Amino acid sequence: MTTPDDAQSPNAATRAKAALRRDPWDLPDVSGLVIGVLGGTGDQGRGLAYRLAKAGQKVIIGSRAAERAQTAASMLGLGIEGAENAECARRSDVVIVAVPWEGHAKTLQALREPLAGKLVIDCVNPLGFDKKGAYALKPEEGSAAEQAAALLPDSRVAAAFHHLSAVLLQDPAIEQIDTDVMVLGESRADTDLVQALAARIPGMRGVFAGRLRNAHQVESLVANLISVNRRYKAHAGLRVTDV
């Protein structure tokens, strides 16, 4: 007897093969999406908001205090708006999480409802610091991105934008930032969208780097880049060769 699952399996296999044959650089048009940046008043969030808005993206930055977000937005210009976190989440199509690690879980727990149905891009790096420098922390869930996925069951979570220098992002004298952005997620449609968003910033590429279970290594690498930057007085990024 043929079951419904058996009847569907050839179609599923066909779709899977077609996806593998797709050009990995054939990415969607994301220019019309509204991008929210939670933690948009911090260095990383402010830098991402500035670069995406400069590339033509509509951007809303979020903060726990609407007035603080609005002040930061007015300083950045480029049509960027500021709002309290929940309003930022509700008004955005895609939301980047750029809050400090210490407030990561609490922030997302409070925003579960307004983030429902949204694509959430987590760029938080769980790090500790001592006299020897920066070192990686490992959350109980495995990574910040996996913690976000656990706390936001009604959202789609991807991980990206971890290795970008906040100094370079915020510097208006720098027109191009030559670096790759490692993108992780569970859905190709979502990771393609994040890759396309990264490519809006001149000099950047988004490169698919696996599923969320691999996010810990990507988040942890920031500790190494901090060591590089301190030794060489640099703002190091990453390039993936042969792709």
Protein backbone atom coordinates (compact mmCIF):
# COMPACT_ATOMS: atom_id res chain seq x y z
CA MET A 1 0.00 0.00 0.00
CA THR A 2 1.25 3.48 -0.85
CA THR A 3 1.12 5.92 2.06
CA PRO A 4 0.78 9.71 1.67
CA ASP A 5 4.41 10.05 2.75
CA ASP A 6 5.51 7.58 0.06
CA ALA A 7 3.58 9.52 -2.55
CA GLN A 8 5.26 12.77 -1.57
CA SER A 9 8.80 11.47 -1.29
CA PRO A 10 9.68 11.63 -5.03
CA ASN A 11 8.62 15.29 -5.09
CA ALA A 12 10.65 16.01 -1.96
CA ALA A 13 13.68 14.30 -3.47
CA THR A 14 13.26 16.27 -6.69
CA ARG A 15 13.09 19.54 -4.78
CA ALA A 16 16.19 18.62 -2.77
CA LYS A 17 18.17 17.83 -5.94
CA ALA A 18 17.01 21.07 -7.56
CA ALA A 19 18.17 23.03 -4.51
CA LEU A 20 21.62 21.45 -4.74
CA ARG A 21 21.89 22.45 -8.40
CA ARG A 22 21.03 26.08 -7.67
CA ASP A 23 23.70 28.73 -8.06
CA PRO A 24 24.69 29.52 -4.43
CA TRP A 25 25.18 33.17 -5.39
CA ASP A 26 21.67 33.50 -6.81
CA LEU A 27 20.31 35.47 -3.88
CA PRO A 28 16.98 37.21 -3.29
CA ASP A 29 16.27 40.92 -3.57
CA VAL A 30 16.10 42.22 0.01
CA SER A 31 16.14 45.94 -0.76
CA GLY A 32 12.51 46.42 0.29
CA LEU A 33 12.82 44.81 3.72
CA VAL A 34 12.67 46.81 6.93
CA ILE A 35 15.58 45.84 9.20
CA GLY A 36 15.34 46.22 12.96
CA VAL A 37 18.47 46.28 15.11
CA LEU A 38 17.96 45.40 18.76
CA GLY A 39 20.86 46.89 20.68
CA GLY A 40 21.13 49.54 18.00
CA THR A 41 22.52 52.07 20.46
CA GLY A 42 25.62 49.94 21.14
CA ASP A 43 28.73 50.05 18.97
CA GLN A 44 28.04 46.93 16.91
CA GLY A 45 24.35 47.58 16.47
CA ARG A 46 24.88 51.23 15.61
CA GLY A 47 27.54 50.28 13.06
CA LEU A 48 25.33 47.69 11.38
CA ALA A 49 22.40 50.12 11.31
CA TYR A 50 24.58 52.79 9.71
CA ARG A 51 26.00 50.48 7.02
CA LEU A 52 22.66 48.95 6.07
CA ALA A 53 20.93 52.33 5.93
CA LYS A 54 23.79 53.75 3.87
CA ALA A 55 23.24 50.85 1.44
CA GLY A 56 19.60 51.92 1.06
CA GLN A 57 17.90 49.64 3.57
CA LYS A 58 15.11 50.98 5.79
CA VAL A 59 16.42 50.59 9.36
CA ILE A 60 14.85 50.92 12.80
CA ILE A 61 17.08 50.72 15.86
CA GLY A 62 15.68 49.45 19.12
CA SER A 63 16.53 50.10 22.74
CA ARG A 64 14.90 49.50 26.10
CA ALA A 65 14.24 53.26 26.13
CA ALA A 66 12.59 54.74 23.04
CA GLU A 67 14.15 58.17 23.69
CA ARG A 68 17.64 56.68 23.71
CA ALA A 69 16.99 54.89 20.42
CA GLN A 70 15.58 58.04 18.83
CA THR A 71 18.60 60.08 19.91
CA ALA A 72 20.99 57.51 18.41
CA ALA A 73 18.91 57.36 15.21
CA SER A 74 18.94 61.14 14.77
CA MET A 75 22.74 61.16 15.16
CA LEU A 76 23.11 58.51 12.45
CA GLY A 77 20.68 60.13 10.01
CA LEU A 78 20.08 58.27 6.71
CA GLY A 79 16.39 57.95 7.51
CA ILE A 80 17.06 55.62 10.45
CA GLU A 81 14.31 55.58 13.07
CA GLY A 82 14.53 54.76 16.76
CA ALA A 83 11.95 52.93 18.86
CA GLU A 84 11.50 50.90 22.01
CA ASN A 85 12.53 47.27 21.46
CA ALA A 86 9.03 45.81 21.14
CA GLU A 87 7.93 48.44 18.60
CA CYS A 88 11.16 47.96 16.66
CA ALA A 89 10.49 44.21 16.51
CA ARG A 90 6.87 44.63 15.43
CA ARG A 91 7.65 47.11 12.64
CA SER A 92 10.58 45.18 11.15
CA ASP A 93 10.60 42.34 8.62
CA VAL A 94 13.99 41.08 9.80
CA VAL A 95 15.49 41.73 13.23
CA ILE A 96 19.21 41.70 14.08
CA VAL A 97 20.05 40.98 17.72
CA ALA A 98 23.15 42.95 18.72
CA VAL A 99 22.63 43.25 22.48
CA PRO A 100 25.34 42.52 25.09
CA TRP A 101 25.61 38.84 25.96
CA GLU A 102 24.67 39.56 29.58
CA GLY A 103 21.25 40.83 28.49
CA HIS A 104 20.67 38.40 25.61
CA ALA A 105 18.27 35.94 27.24
CA LYS A 106 16.28 38.55 29.16
CA THR A 107 15.83 40.73 26.09
CA LEU A 108 14.61 37.88 23.88
CA GLN A 109 12.31 36.44 26.54
CA ALA A 110 10.54 39.80 26.72
CA LEU A 111 10.17 40.00 22.93
CA ARG A 112 8.87 36.53 22.14
CA GLU A 113 5.47 37.81 20.98
CA PRO A 114 6.57 40.76 18.78
CA LEU A 115 9.31 38.59 17.23
CA ALA A 116 6.90 35.76 16.35
CA GLY A 117 6.96 35.00 12.63
CA LYS A 118 10.08 37.12 12.07
CA LEU A 119 13.52 36.15 10.82
CA VAL A 120 15.86 36.90 13.72
CA ILE A 121 19.60 37.23 12.99
CA ASP A 122 21.68 36.73 16.12
CA CYS A 123 25.17 38.28 16.07
CA VAL A 124 25.90 38.06 19.79
CA ASN A 125 29.24 36.62 20.94
CA PRO A 126 29.29 35.05 24.41
CA LEU A 127 32.70 36.13 25.72
CA GLY A 128 34.48 36.50 29.01
CA PHE A 129 37.49 38.67 29.78
CA ASP A 130 40.31 38.32 32.28
CA LYS A 131 43.97 39.30 32.56
CA LYS A 132 44.84 36.90 29.73
CA GLY A 133 42.35 38.55 27.37
CA ALA A 134 39.11 37.43 25.76
CA TYR A 135 37.86 33.85 25.92
CA ALA A 136 34.77 32.06 24.65
CA LEU A 137 31.85 31.10 26.87
CA LYS A 138 29.58 28.19 26.00
CA PRO A 139 25.90 28.70 26.84
CA GLU A 140 23.87 25.78 28.11
CA GLU A 141 22.05 25.66 24.75
CA GLY A 142 25.37 25.47 22.87
CA SER A 143 25.60 29.02 21.49
CA ALA A 144 23.90 32.39 21.63
CA ALA A 145 22.07 31.57 18.40
CA GLU A 146 20.78 28.28 19.79
CA GLN A 147 19.69 30.07 22.94
CA ALA A 148 17.77 32.51 20.75
CA ALA A 149 16.11 29.63 18.89
CA ALA A 150 15.09 28.03 22.19
CA LEU A 151 13.65 31.28 23.54
CA LEU A 152 11.88 32.20 20.29
CA PRO A 153 10.08 29.04 19.14
CA ASP A 154 7.75 31.04 16.88
CA SER A 155 10.60 32.83 15.08
CA ARG A 156 13.16 31.67 12.50
CA VAL A 157 16.67 32.18 13.83
CA ALA A 158 19.87 32.60 11.83
CA ALA A 159 23.36 33.59 12.98
CA ALA A 160 25.61 36.11 11.20
CA PHE A 161 27.62 39.36 11.47
CA HIS A 162 29.80 38.13 14.35
CA HIS A 163 33.24 39.06 13.06
CA LEU A 164 32.77 42.67 12.01
CA SER A 165 34.78 45.52 13.51
CA ALA A 166 32.50 48.07 15.14
CA VAL A 167 35.20 50.68 14.52
CA LEU A 168 35.16 50.05 10.76
CA LEU A 169 31.38 49.83 10.62
CA GLN A 170 30.98 53.25 12.20
CA ASP A 171 33.72 55.07 10.31
CA PRO A 172 32.11 57.21 7.55
CA ALA A 173 35.49 57.65 5.88
CA ILE A 174 35.57 53.93 5.03
CA GLU A 175 33.54 53.21 1.92
CA GLN A 176 34.14 49.45 1.70
CA ILE A 177 34.66 46.74 4.33
CA ASP A 178 36.45 43.78 2.77
CA THR A 179 35.30 40.77 4.76
CA ASP A 180 33.12 37.68 4.59
CA VAL A 181 30.14 37.10 6.86
CA MET A 182 29.61 33.54 8.06
CA VAL A 183 25.88 32.74 7.89
CA LEU A 184 24.27 29.83 9.74
CA GLY A 185 20.67 28.69 9.87
CA GLU A 186 18.18 25.89 9.43
CA SER A 187 16.47 27.09 6.23
CA ARG A 188 18.17 27.82 2.92
CA ALA A 189 15.60 30.51 2.18
CA ASP A 190 16.57 32.26 5.41
CA THR A 191 20.33 31.93 5.01
CA ASP A 192 20.06 33.12 1.39
CA LEU A 193 18.21 36.18 2.65
CA VAL A 194 20.89 36.91 5.26
CA GLN A 195 23.64 36.44 2.68
CA ALA A 196 21.86 38.89 0.40
CA LEU A 197 21.57 41.38 3.25
CA ALA A 198 25.29 41.13 4.00
CA ALA A 199 26.06 41.70 0.31
CA ARG A 200 24.24 45.04 0.46
CA ILE A 201 27.27 46.42 2.32
CA PRO A 202 30.11 47.18 -0.13
CA GLY A 203 33.00 44.74 0.20
CA MET A 204 31.07 42.11 2.16
CA ARG A 205 29.91 38.64 1.16
CA GLY A 206 27.63 36.35 3.08
CA VAL A 207 28.91 32.75 3.03
CA PHE A 208 26.79 29.82 4.19
CA ALA A 209 28.60 28.11 7.07
CA GLY A 210 26.23 25.39 8.30
CA ARG A 211 23.33 24.93 10.66
CA LEU A 212 22.86 26.55 14.04
CA ARG A 213 24.53 23.64 15.83
CA ASN A 214 27.79 25.01 14.40
CA ALA A 215 27.26 28.54 15.68
CA HIS A 216 29.42 28.11 18.79
CA GLN A 217 32.64 27.89 16.77
CA VAL A 218 31.74 31.00 14.79
CA GLU A 219 30.84 32.99 17.90
CA SER A 220 33.97 31.79 19.71
CA LEU A 221 36.32 32.86 16.93
CA VAL A 222 35.75 36.47 17.95
CA ALA A 223 38.00 35.85 20.97
CA ASN A 224 40.81 34.96 18.55
CA LEU A 225 40.16 38.04 16.43
CA ILE A 226 40.35 40.25 19.53
CA SER A 227 43.78 38.78 20.24
CA VAL A 228 44.84 39.43 16.63
CA ASN A 229 43.63 43.00 16.80
CA ARG A 230 45.40 43.74 20.06
CA ARG A 231 48.72 42.30 18.89
CA TYR A 232 48.73 43.92 15.45
CA LYS A 233 46.73 47.09 16.21
CA ALA A 234 44.28 46.05 13.51
CA HIS A 235 40.57 45.59 12.81
CA ALA A 236 40.78 42.07 11.40
CA GLY A 237 38.00 40.28 9.56
CA LEU A 238 37.72 36.99 7.69
CA ARG A 239 37.92 35.85 4.09
CA VAL A 240 36.89 32.36 2.93
CA THR A 241 39.03 31.20 0.02
CA ASP A 242 38.03 29.22 -3.09
CA VAL A 243 34.32 30.06 -2.94
